[in-house]
């Protein structure tokens, strides 16, 4: 099971009021926590998609510019899949995670990637309380063509770009694995910088 990891770091963070990727929780920037979860799950490579080039570089993270900055998460997902394909990676799957996960879990990553062991599945998405977690998803690289076509038709949300793709929704194990921080009140109390 070879997969690449991609951290979607290009959002504007308007609701948070500052770049979410670099908020420190318990002494670690959130983007670093997500990178560690992907690495610990066995990703063959991990790349930040979009985000602040200088700050990500200072953290020694590989970064690829988002081809569609400010155009929603689907553009970041397409960029991640394109990067994996053009890098001639041996990975045929890409796990995309948001940079603002509070408790990213290697186990959660392994569980969604394992769903793609079934060759009839193109996309695996966890579901928490009936809500699909589209920024915590495993994609086969061949989904790129369908996603790019949807993007060309003006679709910007991953959940709306699935025409022709076989999707497996899986019930999430521990819901805390999927909690993100969109606003200051979403951050845990205590050791946050």
Foldseek 3Di string as FASTA:
>chain_A
DEEAEEEEQQDPLVQAVDRQQQKDDPRRRLQVLQVVLCVVLPHPYYEYEAHDPVVCVVVVGHYDYQPDHPLADLSSVLVVLVCCVVVVHPHQKYWAAYSFQPHAHSVQLNVQVVVVVPVLAAKEFEAEPNRTLVRGIMGGSVCSVQSVVVVVVVDHDPVVSQVPGHYHYHYDDDCSNRQGDSYPVSDDPDPID
